[in-house]
């Protein structure tokens, strides 16, 4: 039935997620943005250094920045910040 189709679609979407880790040279948290913009409005949610999160979409931006849409719907972060360096790194795919 319809529920089976939705379940299959959900599994396909889930399998396309990538895992990323927030790393911080300064040790500071990063505020999740509401839009794919480094200077965008910040959500009330932060990532702490070492946090691993799932990404549903990767969107190239200016200056080589890759914007990462959080799979949980909280917003966007970015893989690097010009002048600051690398912010997030992709985790190796682990087979469960």
N, C-alpha and C. Protein backbone atom coordinates (compact mmCIF):
# COMPACT_ATOMS: atom_id res chain seq x y z
N UNK A 1 0.81 -1.19 0.00
CA UNK A 1 0.00 0.00 0.00
C UNK A 1 0.85 1.25 0.00
N UNK A 2 0.21 2.35 0.22
CA UNK A 2 0.88 3.65 0.21
C UNK A 2 1.98 3.71 1.27
N UNK A 3 1.74 3.15 2.42
CA UNK A 3 2.75 3.19 3.48
C UNK A 3 4.03 2.49 3.08
N UNK A 4 3.94 1.42 2.34
CA UNK A 4 5.14 0.72 1.89
C UNK A 4 5.96 1.59 0.95
N UNK A 5 5.30 2.30 0.08
CA UNK A 5 6.01 3.19 -0.85
C UNK A 5 6.74 4.28 -0.07
N UNK A 6 6.07 4.87 0.90
CA UNK A 6 6.70 5.92 1.70
C UNK A 6 7.90 5.37 2.46
N UNK A 7 7.76 4.20 2.99
CA UNK A 7 8.86 3.60 3.75
C UNK A 7 10.07 3.39 2.85
N UNK A 8 9.84 2.87 1.64
CA UNK A 8 10.95 2.66 0.72
C UNK A 8 11.62 3.99 0.37
N UNK A 9 10.81 5.01 0.14
CA UNK A 9 11.36 6.33 -0.19
C UNK A 9 12.18 6.86 0.99
N UNK A 10 11.68 6.70 2.19
CA UNK A 10 12.40 7.17 3.38
C UNK A 10 13.74 6.47 3.51
N UNK A 11 13.77 5.17 3.24
CA UNK A 11 15.03 4.44 3.33
C UNK A 11 16.02 4.93 2.28
N UNK A 12 15.54 5.22 1.08
CA UNK A 12 16.42 5.70 0.02
C UNK A 12 17.02 7.05 0.40
N UNK A 13 16.19 7.93 0.97
CA UNK A 13 16.68 9.25 1.39
C UNK A 13 17.70 9.08 2.51
N UNK A 14 17.38 8.24 3.46
CA UNK A 14 18.27 8.04 4.60
C UNK A 14 19.63 7.53 4.15
N UNK A 15 19.66 6.64 3.17
CA UNK A 15 20.93 6.06 2.73
C UNK A 15 21.80 7.08 2.01
N UNK A 16 21.20 8.21 1.56
CA UNK A 16 21.99 9.22 0.86
C UNK A 16 22.56 10.27 1.81
N UNK A 17 22.26 10.17 3.10
CA UNK A 17 22.80 11.11 4.07
C UNK A 17 24.30 10.88 4.23
N UNK A 18 25.02 11.96 4.50
CA UNK A 18 26.44 11.85 4.80
C UNK A 18 26.68 12.33 6.22
N UNK A 19 27.70 11.78 6.85
CA UNK A 19 28.05 12.18 8.21
C UNK A 19 29.23 13.15 8.15
N UNK A 20 29.14 14.20 8.96
CA UNK A 20 30.18 15.21 9.04
C UNK A 20 30.52 15.43 10.51
N UNK A 21 31.71 15.95 10.78
CA UNK A 21 32.15 16.27 12.14
C UNK A 21 32.55 17.74 12.18
N UNK A 22 32.06 18.43 13.21
CA UNK A 22 32.48 19.82 13.42
C UNK A 22 33.81 19.82 14.15
N UNK A 23 34.80 20.44 13.54
CA UNK A 23 36.10 20.60 14.20
C UNK A 23 36.33 22.09 14.37
N UNK A 24 36.96 22.48 15.43
CA UNK A 24 37.16 23.90 15.69
C UNK A 24 38.58 24.14 16.16
N UNK A 25 39.29 24.97 15.40
CA UNK A 25 40.65 25.34 15.81
C UNK A 25 40.60 26.13 17.11
N UNK A 26 39.58 26.99 17.24
CA UNK A 26 39.48 27.87 18.42
C UNK A 26 38.82 27.18 19.62
N UNK A 27 38.11 26.07 19.36
CA UNK A 27 37.37 25.41 20.43
C UNK A 27 35.99 25.98 20.66
N UNK A 28 35.60 26.95 19.82
CA UNK A 28 34.29 27.59 19.98
C UNK A 28 33.19 26.76 19.32
N UNK A 29 31.97 26.86 19.83
CA UNK A 29 30.83 26.23 19.13
C UNK A 29 30.53 26.99 17.84
N UNK A 30 29.78 26.37 16.95
CA UNK A 30 29.32 27.04 15.73
C UNK A 30 27.81 27.10 15.79
N UNK A 31 27.26 28.27 15.47
CA UNK A 31 25.81 28.43 15.44
C UNK A 31 25.28 27.94 14.10
N UNK A 32 24.25 27.11 14.15
CA UNK A 32 23.60 26.64 12.94
C UNK A 32 22.84 27.81 12.34
N UNK A 33 22.98 27.99 11.01
CA UNK A 33 22.32 29.09 10.32
C UNK A 33 20.97 28.63 9.78
N UNK A 34 20.03 29.58 9.67
CA UNK A 34 18.70 29.26 9.14
C UNK A 34 18.71 29.19 7.62
N UNK A 35 19.72 29.79 6.98
CA UNK A 35 19.85 29.80 5.53
C UNK A 35 21.28 29.41 5.17
N UNK A 36 21.53 29.00 3.91
CA UNK A 36 22.90 28.67 3.51
C UNK A 36 23.72 29.94 3.26
N UNK A 37 24.09 30.60 4.36
CA UNK A 37 24.80 31.88 4.30
C UNK A 37 25.62 32.01 5.57
N UNK A 38 26.94 32.19 5.42
CA UNK A 38 27.81 32.31 6.60
C UNK A 38 27.34 33.44 7.50
N UNK A 39 26.89 34.55 6.90
CA UNK A 39 26.41 35.70 7.68
C UNK A 39 24.91 35.64 7.92
N UNK A 40 24.30 34.48 7.63
CA UNK A 40 22.86 34.32 7.77
C UNK A 40 22.39 34.35 9.22
N UNK A 41 21.09 34.44 9.37
CA UNK A 41 20.47 34.44 10.70
C UNK A 41 20.83 33.13 11.41
N UNK A 42 21.24 33.24 12.65
CA UNK A 42 21.66 32.07 13.43
C UNK A 42 20.46 31.48 14.17
N UNK A 43 20.43 30.16 14.19
CA UNK A 43 19.39 29.49 14.98
C UNK A 43 19.83 29.51 16.44
N UNK A 44 19.00 28.98 17.30
CA UNK A 44 19.36 28.91 18.72
C UNK A 44 20.14 27.64 19.03
N UNK A 45 20.48 26.87 17.99
CA UNK A 45 21.18 25.60 18.17
C UNK A 45 22.63 25.75 17.74
N UNK A 46 23.54 25.23 18.56
CA UNK A 46 24.97 25.23 18.26
C UNK A 46 25.47 23.80 18.11
N UNK A 47 26.57 23.67 17.37
CA UNK A 47 27.34 22.43 17.38
C UNK A 47 28.59 22.68 18.20
N UNK A 48 29.00 21.69 18.96
CA UNK A 48 30.21 21.78 19.75
C UNK A 48 31.33 21.03 19.03
N UNK A 49 32.58 21.44 19.24
CA UNK A 49 33.68 20.73 18.59
C UNK A 49 33.61 19.23 18.85
N UNK A 50 33.75 18.45 17.78
CA UNK A 50 33.68 17.00 17.89
C UNK A 50 32.30 16.43 17.58
N UNK A 51 31.26 17.29 17.54
CA UNK A 51 29.92 16.80 17.24
C UNK A 51 29.88 16.21 15.83
N UNK A 52 29.23 15.05 15.71
CA UNK A 52 29.01 14.42 14.41
C UNK A 52 27.54 14.62 14.06
N UNK A 53 27.26 14.98 12.81
CA UNK A 53 25.88 15.26 12.40
C UNK A 53 25.66 14.73 10.99
N UNK A 54 24.39 14.51 10.65
CA UNK A 54 24.04 14.01 9.33
C UNK A 54 23.63 15.17 8.44
N UNK A 55 24.06 15.08 7.18
CA UNK A 55 23.78 16.12 6.19
C UNK A 55 22.91 15.54 5.10
N UNK A 56 21.83 16.26 4.78
CA UNK A 56 20.89 15.82 3.75
C UNK A 56 21.19 16.46 2.40
N UNK A 57 21.89 17.62 2.40
CA UNK A 57 22.16 18.33 1.16
C UNK A 57 23.47 19.09 1.30
N UNK A 58 24.25 19.09 0.23
CA UNK A 58 25.48 19.88 0.16
C UNK A 58 25.31 20.88 -0.97
N UNK A 59 25.53 22.16 -0.67
CA UNK A 59 25.33 23.20 -1.68
C UNK A 59 26.57 24.07 -1.79
N UNK A 60 27.21 24.08 -2.98
CA UNK A 60 28.40 24.93 -3.15
C UNK A 60 28.05 26.40 -3.03
N UNK A 61 28.92 27.15 -2.36
CA UNK A 61 28.73 28.58 -2.21
C UNK A 61 29.94 29.33 -2.76
N UNK A 62 30.06 30.59 -2.40
CA UNK A 62 31.17 31.43 -2.86
C UNK A 62 32.47 31.03 -2.17
N UNK A 63 33.59 31.31 -2.82
CA UNK A 63 34.93 31.12 -2.24
C UNK A 63 35.22 29.68 -1.83
N UNK A 64 34.61 28.71 -2.53
CA UNK A 64 34.89 27.31 -2.23
C UNK A 64 34.19 26.76 -1.01
N UNK A 65 33.30 27.54 -0.41
CA UNK A 65 32.57 27.10 0.78
C UNK A 65 31.48 26.11 0.36
N UNK A 66 31.35 25.04 1.12
CA UNK A 66 30.29 24.06 0.89
C UNK A 66 29.31 24.16 2.06
N UNK A 67 28.07 24.53 1.75
CA UNK A 67 27.04 24.63 2.78
C UNK A 67 26.40 23.27 2.98
N UNK A 68 26.15 22.92 4.24
CA UNK A 68 25.67 21.60 4.62
C UNK A 68 24.32 21.74 5.31
N UNK A 69 23.28 21.16 4.68
CA UNK A 69 21.93 21.22 5.29
C UNK A 69 21.78 20.05 6.25
N UNK A 70 21.53 20.36 7.51
CA UNK A 70 21.41 19.36 8.55
C UNK A 70 20.21 18.46 8.26
N UNK A 71 20.40 17.15 8.39
CA UNK A 71 19.34 16.19 8.10
C UNK A 71 18.19 16.29 9.10
N UNK A 72 18.46 16.80 10.30
CA UNK A 72 17.40 16.89 11.32
C UNK A 72 16.54 18.15 11.15
N UNK A 73 16.83 18.96 10.12
CA UNK A 73 16.00 20.12 9.84
C UNK A 73 16.34 21.36 10.64
N UNK A 74 17.42 21.34 11.42
CA UNK A 74 17.73 22.51 12.25
C UNK A 74 18.33 23.66 11.46
N UNK A 75 18.88 23.40 10.27
CA UNK A 75 19.43 24.50 9.48
C UNK A 75 20.68 24.09 8.73
N UNK A 76 21.59 25.06 8.56
CA UNK A 76 22.78 24.91 7.73
C UNK A 76 24.05 25.24 8.51
N UNK A 77 25.13 24.54 8.19
CA UNK A 77 26.48 24.92 8.61
C UNK A 77 27.33 24.91 7.34
N UNK A 78 28.62 25.10 7.47
CA UNK A 78 29.50 25.19 6.31
C UNK A 78 30.80 24.49 6.61
N UNK A 79 31.47 24.00 5.55
CA UNK A 79 32.67 23.20 5.76
C UNK A 79 33.90 24.05 6.04
N UNK A 80 33.88 25.31 5.62
CA UNK A 80 35.02 26.19 5.88
C UNK A 80 34.53 27.63 5.91
N UNK A 81 35.34 28.47 6.55
CA UNK A 81 35.00 29.90 6.61
C UNK A 81 36.24 30.67 6.16
N UNK A 82 36.11 31.44 5.08
CA UNK A 82 37.27 32.21 4.61
C UNK A 82 37.88 33.03 5.75
N UNK A 83 39.18 32.92 5.89
CA UNK A 83 39.88 33.63 6.97
C UNK A 83 39.97 32.84 8.26
N UNK A 84 39.15 31.80 8.42
CA UNK A 84 39.16 30.97 9.64
C UNK A 84 39.67 29.57 9.37
N UNK A 85 39.42 29.06 8.15
CA UNK A 85 39.87 27.72 7.81
C UNK A 85 38.76 26.70 7.87
N UNK A 86 39.15 25.44 7.95
CA UNK A 86 38.21 24.32 7.91
C UNK A 86 37.37 24.28 9.18
N UNK A 87 36.06 24.09 8.99
CA UNK A 87 35.13 24.04 10.12
C UNK A 87 34.56 22.64 10.32
N UNK A 88 34.25 21.95 9.19
CA UNK A 88 33.62 20.63 9.25
C UNK A 88 34.29 19.69 8.26
N UNK A 89 34.44 18.43 8.65
CA UNK A 89 35.04 17.44 7.77
C UNK A 89 34.09 16.26 7.64
N UNK A 90 34.08 15.68 6.43
CA UNK A 90 33.24 14.51 6.18
C UNK A 90 33.83 13.31 6.91
N UNK A 91 32.96 12.55 7.55
CA UNK A 91 33.37 11.31 8.21
C UNK A 91 33.48 10.21 7.18
N UNK A 92 34.36 9.28 7.39
CA UNK A 92 34.43 8.11 6.52
C UNK A 92 33.15 7.32 6.66
N UNK A 93 32.67 6.77 5.54
CA UNK A 93 31.45 5.95 5.61
C UNK A 93 31.78 4.65 6.34
N UNK A 94 31.09 4.41 7.41
CA UNK A 94 31.30 3.18 8.19
C UNK A 94 30.18 2.19 7.86
N UNK A 95 30.54 0.98 7.58
CA UNK A 95 29.53 -0.06 7.32
C UNK A 95 29.10 -0.65 8.66
N UNK A 96 27.83 -0.61 8.92
CA UNK A 96 27.31 -1.12 10.21
C UNK A 96 27.26 -2.63 10.19
